[in-house]
């Protein structure tokens, strides 16, 4: 489709409200006297003193369209001025703010953050939290790193008792346990260590065990498109051990069965027998 061109000013509109607003803002800045004009940016209407020109009116109309249709930047914390191709700061850049927050927390508990044992605690705690949640920095593509292989194999593959550590998103305390994964290949197999790395991606985040179990199964499915995937997670939750009901021997078991593991009872039984065998 050809861009629509305004006969009055010769400007082209490409159908992208954000791009149109930026273009009009530039034109408006060139035509409005600097003595009576404020800076106009896409996504925000800035008042301009005096009579409104046609460019100003068009900019306001485009901004109204952005607000109604959504440009993807309405609630973006890192959207500044006309920088549309932006990224949030690295997680390490968040350390100073996180350390200050931990310092306030210590003070709120009635502690003295300046005493010897606590002077470096806010920074240590901030670094630890970034490590506990490092899965946010990882993607399935990065972890697989091409370790998917063509292989004429259609029998069950099981890796069990993979250690798992995660953080309960409700109380910010740990839960830990083990993960067992099985899949039925369709002429593609996954490097065995990659199954453990997939567990790391999703466990090293703020989580609930139910979602973690499903995310692991879906990731394996995306990686090798098998005939089926089965995941069983057994976890001990500190939010049930250290607080609340304080049941130290309780364990939570969750499972996700996809494909033939859901549809075929015999396949599911074979997997569960392999997982529960010593």
C-alpha atoms as a PDB file:
ATOM      1  CA  UNK A   1       0.000   0.000   0.000  1.00  0.00           C
ATOM      2  CA  UNK A   2       1.214   3.513  -0.818  1.00  0.00           C
ATOM      3  CA  UNK A   3       1.569   5.991   2.057  1.00  0.00           C
ATOM      4  CA  UNK A   4      -1.177   8.569   2.318  1.00  0.00           C
ATOM      5  CA  UNK A   5       0.134  12.044   1.586  1.00  0.00           C
ATOM      6  CA  UNK A   6      -1.388  15.227   2.921  1.00  0.00           C
ATOM      7  CA  UNK A   7      -1.962  17.692   0.060  1.00  0.00           C
ATOM      8  CA  UNK A   8      -1.612  20.636   2.426  1.00  0.00           C
ATOM      9  CA  UNK A   9       1.869  19.997   3.725  1.00  0.00           C
ATOM     10  CA  UNK A  10       3.217  17.152   1.565  1.00  0.00           C
ATOM     11  CA  UNK A  11       4.011  14.963   4.594  1.00  0.00           C
ATOM     12  CA  UNK A  12       3.706  11.172   4.264  1.00  0.00           C
ATOM     13  CA  UNK A  13       1.939   8.993   6.787  1.00  0.00           C
ATOM     14  CA  UNK A  14       2.895   5.343   6.791  1.00  0.00           C
ATOM     15  CA  UNK A  15       0.084   4.040   8.994  1.00  0.00           C
ATOM     16  CA  UNK A  16       2.314   3.741  12.094  1.00  0.00           C
ATOM     17  CA  UNK A  17       0.962   6.208  14.687  1.00  0.00           C
ATOM     18  CA  UNK A  18       4.233   6.341  16.632  1.00  0.00           C
ATOM     19  CA  UNK A  19       6.295   7.052  13.495  1.00  0.00           C
ATOM     20  CA  UNK A  20       3.745   9.582  12.253  1.00  0.00           C
ATOM     21  CA  UNK A  21       3.757  11.400  15.580  1.00  0.00           C
ATOM     22  CA  UNK A  22       7.541  11.585  15.583  1.00  0.00           C
ATOM     23  CA  UNK A  23       7.532  12.925  11.994  1.00  0.00           C
ATOM     24  CA  UNK A  24       4.913  15.535  12.742  1.00  0.00           C
ATOM     25  CA  UNK A  25       6.701  16.545  15.935  1.00  0.00           C
ATOM     26  CA  UNK A  26       9.831  17.245  13.905  1.00  0.00           C
ATOM     27  CA  UNK A  27       7.894  19.307  11.374  1.00  0.00           C
ATOM     28  CA  UNK A  28       6.079  21.165  14.126  1.00  0.00           C
ATOM     29  CA  UNK A  29       9.344  22.039  15.850  1.00  0.00           C
ATOM     30  CA  UNK A  30      10.598  23.497  12.557  1.00  0.00           C
ATOM     31  CA  UNK A  31       7.517  25.635  11.925  1.00  0.00           C
ATOM     32  CA  UNK A  32       6.688  26.868  15.448  1.00  0.00           C
ATOM     33  CA  UNK A  33       8.757  29.809  16.779  1.00  0.00           C
ATOM     34  CA  UNK A  34      11.121  28.662  19.533  1.00  0.00           C
ATOM     35  CA  UNK A  35      10.166  31.609  21.746  1.00  0.00           C
ATOM     36  CA  UNK A  36       6.632  30.335  22.167  1.00  0.00           C
ATOM     37  CA  UNK A  37       7.016  26.579  21.668  1.00  0.00           C
ATOM     38  CA  UNK A  38       7.700  23.695  24.007  1.00  0.00           C
ATOM     39  CA  UNK A  39       9.272  20.400  22.932  1.00  0.00           C
ATOM     40  CA  UNK A  40       6.806  17.934  21.402  1.00  0.00           C
ATOM     41  CA  UNK A  41       7.508  14.202  21.575  1.00  0.00           C
ATOM     42  CA  UNK A  42       5.693  11.118  20.330  1.00  0.00           C
ATOM     43  CA  UNK A  43       3.390   9.603  22.900  1.00  0.00           C
ATOM     44  CA  UNK A  44       2.902  12.855  24.851  1.00  0.00           C
ATOM     45  CA  UNK A  45       1.153  16.110  23.959  1.00  0.00           C
ATOM     46  CA  UNK A  46       3.123  19.090  25.262  1.00  0.00           C
ATOM     47  CA  UNK A  47       1.163  22.369  25.573  1.00  0.00           C
ATOM     48  CA  UNK A  48       2.271  25.178  23.274  1.00  0.00           C
ATOM     49  CA  UNK A  49       1.411  28.756  24.072  1.00  0.00           C
ATOM     50  CA  UNK A  50      -0.435  30.933  21.605  1.00  0.00           C
ATOM     51  CA  UNK A  51      -2.627  29.907  18.678  1.00  0.00           C
ATOM     52  CA  UNK A  52      -2.326  26.302  17.541  1.00  0.00           C
ATOM     53  CA  UNK A  53      -1.011  25.688  14.057  1.00  0.00           C
ATOM     54  CA  UNK A  54      -2.249  22.921  11.774  1.00  0.00           C
ATOM     55  CA  UNK A  55       0.881  20.969  12.624  1.00  0.00           C
ATOM     56  CA  UNK A  56       0.112  21.190  16.347  1.00  0.00           C
ATOM     57  CA  UNK A  57      -3.463  20.044  15.810  1.00  0.00           C
ATOM     58  CA  UNK A  58      -2.286  17.113  13.701  1.00  0.00           C
ATOM     59  CA  UNK A  59       0.251  16.164  16.398  1.00  0.00           C
ATOM     60  CA  UNK A  60      -2.453  16.198  19.048  1.00  0.00           C
ATOM     61  CA  UNK A  61      -4.704  14.029  16.888  1.00  0.00           C
ATOM     62  CA  UNK A  62      -1.922  11.512  16.350  1.00  0.00           C
ATOM     63  CA  UNK A  63      -1.172  11.430  20.061  1.00  0.00           C
ATOM     64  CA  UNK A  64      -4.836  10.797  20.794  1.00  0.00           C
ATOM     65  CA  UNK A  65      -4.668   7.870  18.356  1.00  0.00           C
ATOM     66  CA  UNK A  66      -1.578   6.563  20.144  1.00  0.00           C
ATOM     67  CA  UNK A  67      -3.380   6.725  23.468  1.00  0.00           C
ATOM     68  CA  UNK A  68      -6.450   4.916  22.158  1.00  0.00           C
ATOM     69  CA  UNK A  69      -4.768   2.253  20.000  1.00  0.00           C
ATOM     70  CA  UNK A  70      -1.640   1.692  22.031  1.00  0.00           C
ATOM     71  CA  UNK A  71       1.904   2.159  20.725  1.00  0.00           C
ATOM     72  CA  UNK A  72       3.530  -0.321  23.069  1.00  0.00           C
ATOM     73  CA  UNK A  73       5.219   2.433  25.073  1.00  0.00           C
ATOM     74  CA  UNK A  74       2.345   3.834  27.147  1.00  0.00           C
ATOM     75  CA  UNK A  75       3.606   2.328  30.415  1.00  0.00           C
ATOM     76  CA  UNK A  76       7.230   1.807  29.468  1.00  0.00           C
ATOM     77  CA  UNK A  77       9.583   2.712  32.314  1.00  0.00           C
ATOM     78  CA  UNK A  78      12.554   3.147  30.001  1.00  0.00           C
ATOM     79  CA  UNK A  79      10.923   5.247  27.263  1.00  0.00           C
ATOM     80  CA  UNK A  80      12.586   8.655  27.125  1.00  0.00           C
ATOM     81  CA  UNK A  81      11.985  11.352  24.530  1.00  0.00           C
ATOM     82  CA  UNK A  82      12.090  10.041  20.957  1.00  0.00           C
ATOM     83  CA  UNK A  83      14.286   7.005  21.707  1.00  0.00           C
ATOM     84  CA  UNK A  84      11.990   4.238  20.462  1.00  0.00           C
ATOM     85  CA  UNK A  85      14.638   1.564  19.950  1.00  0.00           C
ATOM     86  CA  UNK A  86      15.518   1.368  23.613  1.00  0.00           C
ATOM     87  CA  UNK A  87      16.342  -1.360  26.093  1.00  0.00           C
ATOM     88  CA  UNK A  88      16.144  -1.484  29.893  1.00  0.00           C
ATOM     89  CA  UNK A  89      19.413  -1.215  31.807  1.00  0.00           C
ATOM     90  CA  UNK A  90      21.396  -4.352  32.538  1.00  0.00           C
ATOM     91  CA  UNK A  91      20.404  -6.186  35.702  1.00  0.00           C
ATOM     92  CA  UNK A  92      23.769  -5.316  37.265  1.00  0.00           C
ATOM     93  CA  UNK A  93      22.884  -1.655  36.852  1.00  0.00           C
ATOM     94  CA  UNK A  94      19.987  -2.251  39.253  1.00  0.00           C
ATOM     95  CA  UNK A  95      22.329  -3.200  42.119  1.00  0.00           C
ATOM     96  CA  UNK A  96      22.610   0.278  43.711  1.00  0.00           C
ATOM     97  CA  UNK A  97      18.837   0.719  43.929  1.00  0.00           C
ATOM     98  CA  UNK A  98      18.364  -2.821  45.193  1.00  0.00           C
ATOM     99  CA  UNK A  99      21.068  -2.340  47.848  1.00  0.00           C
ATOM    100  CA  UNK A 100      19.373   0.852  49.051  1.00  0.00           C
ATOM    101  CA  UNK A 101      16.104  -1.040  49.315  1.00  0.00           C
ATOM    102  CA  UNK A 102      17.692  -3.761  51.421  1.00  0.00           C
ATOM    103  CA  UNK A 103      19.247  -1.098  53.641  1.00  0.00           C
ATOM    104  CA  UNK A 104      15.802   0.432  54.210  1.00  0.00           C
ATOM    105  CA  UNK A 105      14.460  -3.033  54.984  1.00  0.00           C
ATOM    106  CA  UNK A 106      17.122  -3.593  57.631  1.00  0.00           C
ATOM    107  CA  UNK A 107      16.270  -0.251  59.197  1.00  0.00           C
ATOM    108  CA  UNK A 108      12.581  -1.129  59.118  1.00  0.00           C
ATOM    109  CA  UNK A 109      13.351  -4.297  61.067  1.00  0.00           C
ATOM    110  CA  UNK A 110      14.910  -2.184  63.803  1.00  0.00           C
ATOM    111  CA  UNK A 111      18.465  -3.125  62.897  1.00  0.00           C
ATOM    112  CA  UNK A 112      21.411  -0.785  62.531  1.00  0.00           C
ATOM    113  CA  UNK A 113      22.574  -1.077  58.894  1.00  0.00           C
ATOM    114  CA  UNK A 114      25.883   0.572  59.843  1.00  0.00           C
ATOM    115  CA  UNK A 115      27.010  -2.003  62.373  1.00  0.00           C
ATOM    116  CA  UNK A 116      29.944  -4.169  61.347  1.00  0.00           C
ATOM    117  CA  UNK A 117      28.026  -7.296  60.440  1.00  0.00           C
ATOM    118  CA  UNK A 118      25.518  -5.463  58.257  1.00  0.00           C
ATOM    119  CA  UNK A 119      27.582  -2.819  56.475  1.00  0.00           C
ATOM    120  CA  UNK A 120      27.925  -4.872  53.282  1.00  0.00           C
ATOM    121  CA  UNK A 121      24.754  -6.929  53.726  1.00  0.00           C
ATOM    122  CA  UNK A 122      22.556  -4.792  51.418  1.00  0.00           C
ATOM    123  CA  UNK A 123      24.998  -5.201  48.516  1.00  0.00           C
ATOM    124  CA  UNK A 124      25.460  -8.918  49.211  1.00  0.00           C
ATOM    125  CA  UNK A 125      21.699  -9.460  49.368  1.00  0.00           C
ATOM    126  CA  UNK A 126      21.160  -7.555  46.114  1.00  0.00           C
ATOM    127  CA  UNK A 127      23.782  -9.667  44.320  1.00  0.00           C
ATOM    128  CA  UNK A 128      22.283 -12.844  45.770  1.00  0.00           C
ATOM    129  CA  UNK A 129      18.796 -11.914  44.566  1.00  0.00           C
ATOM    130  CA  UNK A 130      20.124 -11.286  41.062  1.00  0.00           C
ATOM    131  CA  UNK A 131      21.709 -14.743  41.119  1.00  0.00           C
ATOM    132  CA  UNK A 132      18.529 -16.358  42.435  1.00  0.00           C
ATOM    133  CA  UNK A 133      16.613 -14.815  39.516  1.00  0.00           C
ATOM    134  CA  UNK A 134      19.243 -15.075  36.769  1.00  0.00           C
ATOM    135  CA  UNK A 135      16.784 -17.055  34.635  1.00  0.00           C
ATOM    136  CA  UNK A 136      15.245 -13.767  33.543  1.00  0.00           C
ATOM    137  CA  UNK A 137      18.444 -13.132  31.545  1.00  0.00           C
ATOM    138  CA  UNK A 138      18.311 -16.467  29.732  1.00  0.00           C
ATOM    139  CA  UNK A 139      16.301 -17.679  26.762  1.00  0.00           C
ATOM    140  CA  UNK A 140      15.659 -21.139  25.378  1.00  0.00           C
ATOM    141  CA  UNK A 141      17.553 -20.341  22.143  1.00  0.00           C
ATOM    142  CA  UNK A 142      20.646 -19.233  24.064  1.00  0.00           C
ATOM    143  CA  UNK A 143      20.667 -22.327  26.245  1.00  0.00           C
ATOM    144  CA  UNK A 144      20.107 -24.840  23.440  1.00  0.00           C
ATOM    145  CA  UNK A 145      23.003 -23.376  21.450  1.00  0.00           C
ATOM    146  CA  UNK A 146      22.315 -25.693  18.540  1.00  0.00           C
ATOM    147  CA  UNK A 147      22.414 -28.896  20.640  1.00  0.00           C
ATOM    148  CA  UNK A 148      19.464 -30.458  18.795  1.00  0.00           C
ATOM    149  CA  UNK A 149      20.471 -33.506  16.763  1.00  0.00           C
ATOM    150  CA  UNK A 150      18.839 -35.577  14.039  1.00  0.00           C
ATOM    151  CA  UNK A 151      18.635 -39.158  15.257  1.00  0.00           C
ATOM    152  CA  UNK A 152      16.508 -42.126  14.233  1.00  0.00           C
ATOM    153  CA  UNK A 153      15.308 -42.799  17.772  1.00  0.00           C
ATOM    154  CA  UNK A 154      11.698 -43.014  18.923  1.00  0.00           C
ATOM    155  CA  UNK A 155      12.032 -44.601  22.367  1.00  0.00           C
ATOM    156  CA  UNK A 156      11.551 -42.784  25.642  1.00  0.00           C
ATOM    157  CA  UNK A 157      14.337 -40.561  26.986  1.00  0.00           C
ATOM    158  CA  UNK A 158      14.245 -39.819  30.716  1.00  0.00           C
ATOM    159  CA  UNK A 159      16.527 -37.638  32.842  1.00  0.00           C
ATOM    160  CA  UNK A 160      15.465 -37.734  36.465  1.00  0.00           C
ATOM    161  CA  UNK A 161      16.364 -36.187  39.811  1.00  0.00           C
ATOM    162  CA  UNK A 162      17.636 -32.880  38.373  1.00  0.00           C
ATOM    163  CA  UNK A 163      18.257 -30.567  41.336  1.00  0.00           C
ATOM    164  CA  UNK A 164      16.090 -27.473  41.334  1.00  0.00           C
ATOM    165  CA  UNK A 165      16.248 -24.272  43.382  1.00  0.00           C
ATOM    166  CA  UNK A 166      13.698 -21.506  42.998  1.00  0.00           C
ATOM    167  CA  UNK A 167      12.062 -18.591  44.812  1.00  0.00           C
ATOM    168  CA  UNK A 168       8.425 -18.540  45.868  1.00  0.00           C
ATOM    169  CA  UNK A 169       6.877 -15.444  44.319  1.00  0.00           C
ATOM    170  CA  UNK A 170       4.371 -15.135  47.174  1.00  0.00           C
ATOM    171  CA  UNK A 171       6.819 -14.868  50.082  1.00  0.00           C
ATOM    172  CA  UNK A 172      10.256 -14.461  48.423  1.00  0.00           C
ATOM    173  CA  UNK A 173      11.603 -17.511  50.237  1.00  0.00           C
ATOM    174  CA  UNK A 174      13.187 -20.545  48.551  1.00  0.00           C
ATOM    175  CA  UNK A 175      11.666 -23.798  47.445  1.00  0.00           C
ATOM    176  CA  UNK A 176      13.831 -26.612  46.202  1.00  0.00           C
ATOM    177  CA  UNK A 177      13.614 -30.197  45.057  1.00  0.00           C
ATOM    178  CA  UNK A 178      14.109 -32.358  41.995  1.00  0.00           C
ATOM    179  CA  UNK A 179      12.767 -32.491  38.463  1.00  0.00           C
ATOM    180  CA  UNK A 180      12.318 -35.534  36.224  1.00  0.00           C
ATOM    181  CA  UNK A 181      11.789 -35.076  32.480  1.00  0.00           C
ATOM    182  CA  UNK A 182      10.845 -37.619  29.840  1.00  0.00           C
ATOM    183  CA  UNK A 183      10.106 -37.252  26.142  1.00  0.00           C
ATOM    184  CA  UNK A 184       9.425 -39.427  23.108  1.00  0.00           C
ATOM    185  CA  UNK A 185      11.599 -38.194  20.218  1.00  0.00           C
ATOM    186  CA  UNK A 186      10.404 -37.761  16.652  1.00  0.00           C
ATOM    187  CA  UNK A 187      13.774 -38.150  14.915  1.00  0.00           C
ATOM    188  CA  UNK A 188      15.280 -35.309  16.964  1.00  0.00           C
ATOM    189  CA  UNK A 189      17.059 -35.580  20.303  1.00  0.00           C
ATOM    190  CA  UNK A 190      18.275 -32.935  22.738  1.00  0.00           C
ATOM    191  CA  UNK A 191      21.684 -32.834  24.388  1.00  0.00           C
ATOM    192  CA  UNK A 192      21.100 -34.327  27.839  1.00  0.00           C
ATOM    193  CA  UNK A 193      22.665 -31.421  29.719  1.00  0.00           C
ATOM    194  CA  UNK A 194      20.237 -29.071  27.969  1.00  0.00           C
ATOM    195  CA  UNK A 195      17.344 -30.606  29.900  1.00  0.00           C
ATOM    196  CA  UNK A 196      19.040 -29.558  33.133  1.00  0.00           C
ATOM    197  CA  UNK A 197      19.706 -26.101  31.690  1.00  0.00           C
ATOM    198  CA  UNK A 198      16.049 -25.715  30.741  1.00  0.00           C
ATOM    199  CA  UNK A 199      15.206 -26.414  34.387  1.00  0.00           C
ATOM    200  CA  UNK A 200      17.648 -23.647  35.377  1.00  0.00           C
ATOM    201  CA  UNK A 201      16.078 -21.100  33.021  1.00  0.00           C
ATOM    202  CA  UNK A 202      12.658 -21.339  34.608  1.00  0.00           C
ATOM    203  CA  UNK A 203      13.534 -22.238  38.194  1.00  0.00           C
ATOM    204  CA  UNK A 204      15.861 -19.259  38.610  1.00  0.00           C
ATOM    205  CA  UNK A 205      12.937 -16.853  38.651  1.00  0.00           C
ATOM    206  CA  UNK A 206      10.142 -15.869  41.003  1.00  0.00           C
ATOM    207  CA  UNK A 207       7.920 -18.891  40.608  1.00  0.00           C
ATOM    208  CA  UNK A 208       5.120 -21.147  41.693  1.00  0.00           C
ATOM    209  CA  UNK A 209       5.767 -24.858  41.279  1.00  0.00           C
ATOM    210  CA  UNK A 210       2.697 -25.445  39.142  1.00  0.00           C
ATOM    211  CA  UNK A 211       3.780 -22.922  36.511  1.00  0.00           C
ATOM    212  CA  UNK A 212       7.405 -24.057  36.644  1.00  0.00           C
ATOM    213  CA  UNK A 213       6.376 -27.622  35.812  1.00  0.00           C
ATOM    214  CA  UNK A 214       4.407 -26.578  32.753  1.00  0.00           C
ATOM    215  CA  UNK A 215       7.033 -24.133  31.498  1.00  0.00           C
ATOM    216  CA  UNK A 216       9.673 -26.875  31.493  1.00  0.00           C
ATOM    217  CA  UNK A 217       7.393 -29.219  29.521  1.00  0.00           C
ATOM    218  CA  UNK A 218       6.489 -26.546  26.976  1.00  0.00           C
ATOM    219  CA  UNK A 219      10.166 -25.601  26.510  1.00  0.00           C
ATOM    220  CA  UNK A 220      11.154 -29.203  25.750  1.00  0.00           C
ATOM    221  CA  UNK A 221       8.286 -29.394  23.280  1.00  0.00           C
ATOM    222  CA  UNK A 222       9.482 -26.232  21.542  1.00  0.00           C
ATOM    223  CA  UNK A 223      13.053 -27.525  21.428  1.00  0.00           C
ATOM    224  CA  UNK A 224      12.556 -30.877  19.672  1.00  0.00           C
ATOM    225  CA  UNK A 225       8.845 -31.219  18.775  1.00  0.00           C
ATOM    226  CA  UNK A 226       8.588 -34.713  20.326  1.00  0.00           C
ATOM    227  CA  UNK A 227       5.574 -37.011  20.332  1.00  0.00           C
ATOM    228  CA  UNK A 228       5.093 -36.191  23.978  1.00  0.00           C
ATOM    229  CA  UNK A 229       6.704 -34.693  27.081  1.00  0.00           C
ATOM    230  CA  UNK A 230       6.298 -35.565  30.748  1.00  0.00           C
ATOM    231  CA  UNK A 231       7.602 -33.554  33.696  1.00  0.00           C
ATOM    232  CA  UNK A 232       7.327 -34.328  37.402  1.00  0.00           C
ATOM    233  CA  UNK A 233       8.554 -31.873  40.040  1.00  0.00           C
ATOM    234  CA  UNK A 234       8.867 -32.654  43.753  1.00  0.00           C
ATOM    235  CA  UNK A 235       9.517 -29.638  45.935  1.00  0.00           C
ATOM    236  CA  UNK A 236       9.965 -28.546  49.531  1.00  0.00           C
ATOM    237  CA  UNK A 237       8.649 -25.046  50.172  1.00  0.00           C
ATOM    238  CA  UNK A 238      10.221 -22.925  52.891  1.00  0.00           C
ATOM    239  CA  UNK A 239       7.025 -20.884  53.075  1.00  0.00           C
ATOM    240  CA  UNK A 240       5.409 -24.011  54.551  1.00  0.00           C
ATOM    241  CA  UNK A 241       8.417 -25.021  56.654  1.00  0.00           C
ATOM    242  CA  UNK A 242       9.721 -21.777  58.180  1.00  0.00           C
ATOM    243  CA  UNK A 243       6.397 -19.965  58.567  1.00  0.00           C
ATOM    244  CA  UNK A 244       2.669 -20.544  58.394  1.00  0.00           C
ATOM    245  CA  UNK A 245       1.746 -24.175  59.093  1.00  0.00           C
ATOM    246  CA  UNK A 246       5.449 -25.103  59.668  1.00  0.00           C
ATOM    247  CA  UNK A 247       5.189 -28.653  58.347  1.00  0.00           C
ATOM    248  CA  UNK A 248       8.824 -29.643  57.870  1.00  0.00           C
ATOM    249  CA  UNK A 249       8.169 -33.018  56.214  1.00  0.00           C
ATOM    250  CA  UNK A 250       5.653 -31.910  53.616  1.00  0.00           C
ATOM    251  CA  UNK A 251       6.480 -32.178  49.909  1.00  0.00           C
ATOM    252  CA  UNK A 252       4.612 -30.875  46.888  1.00  0.00           C
ATOM    253  CA  UNK A 253       4.451 -32.973  43.709  1.00  0.00           C
ATOM    254  CA  UNK A 254       3.278 -31.513  40.403  1.00  0.00           C
ATOM    255  CA  UNK A 255       3.208 -32.996  36.917  1.00  0.00           C
ATOM    256  CA  UNK A 256       2.577 -31.958  33.344  1.00  0.00           C
ATOM    257  CA  UNK A 257       1.838 -34.520  30.646  1.00  0.00           C
ATOM    258  CA  UNK A 258       1.736 -33.505  26.990  1.00  0.00           C
ATOM    259  CA  UNK A 259       1.068 -35.490  23.827  1.00  0.00           C
ATOM    260  CA  UNK A 260       1.189 -39.266  24.138  1.00  0.00           C
ATOM    261  CA  UNK A 261       1.973 -39.043  27.853  1.00  0.00           C
ATOM    262  CA  UNK A 262      -1.451 -37.493  28.365  1.00  0.00           C
ATOM    263  CA  UNK A 263      -3.305 -39.633  25.834  1.00  0.00           C
ATOM    264  CA  UNK A 264      -1.747 -43.062  26.393  1.00  0.00           C
ATOM    265  CA  UNK A 265      -2.005 -44.496  29.957  1.00  0.00           C
ATOM    266  CA  UNK A 266       0.638 -47.153  29.243  1.00  0.00           C
ATOM    267  CA  UNK A 267       3.205 -44.583  28.108  1.00  0.00           C
ATOM    268  CA  UNK A 268       2.471 -42.453  31.153  1.00  0.00           C
ATOM    269  CA  UNK A 269       2.777 -45.489  33.450  1.00  0.00           C
ATOM    270  CA  UNK A 270       6.131 -46.445  31.921  1.00  0.00           C
ATOM    271  CA  UNK A 271       7.473 -42.955  32.574  1.00  0.00           C
ATOM    272  CA  UNK A 272       6.241 -42.873  36.172  1.00  0.00           C
ATOM    273  CA  UNK A 273       7.730 -46.313  36.846  1.00  0.00           C
ATOM    274  CA  UNK A 274      11.112 -45.153  35.527  1.00  0.00           C
ATOM    275  CA  UNK A 275      10.957 -41.987  37.608  1.00  0.00           C
ATOM    276  CA  UNK A 276      10.026 -43.796  40.822  1.00  0.00           C
ATOM    277  CA  UNK A 277      12.553 -46.627  40.399  1.00  0.00           C
ATOM    278  CA  UNK A 278      15.640 -46.490  42.586  1.00  0.00           C
END
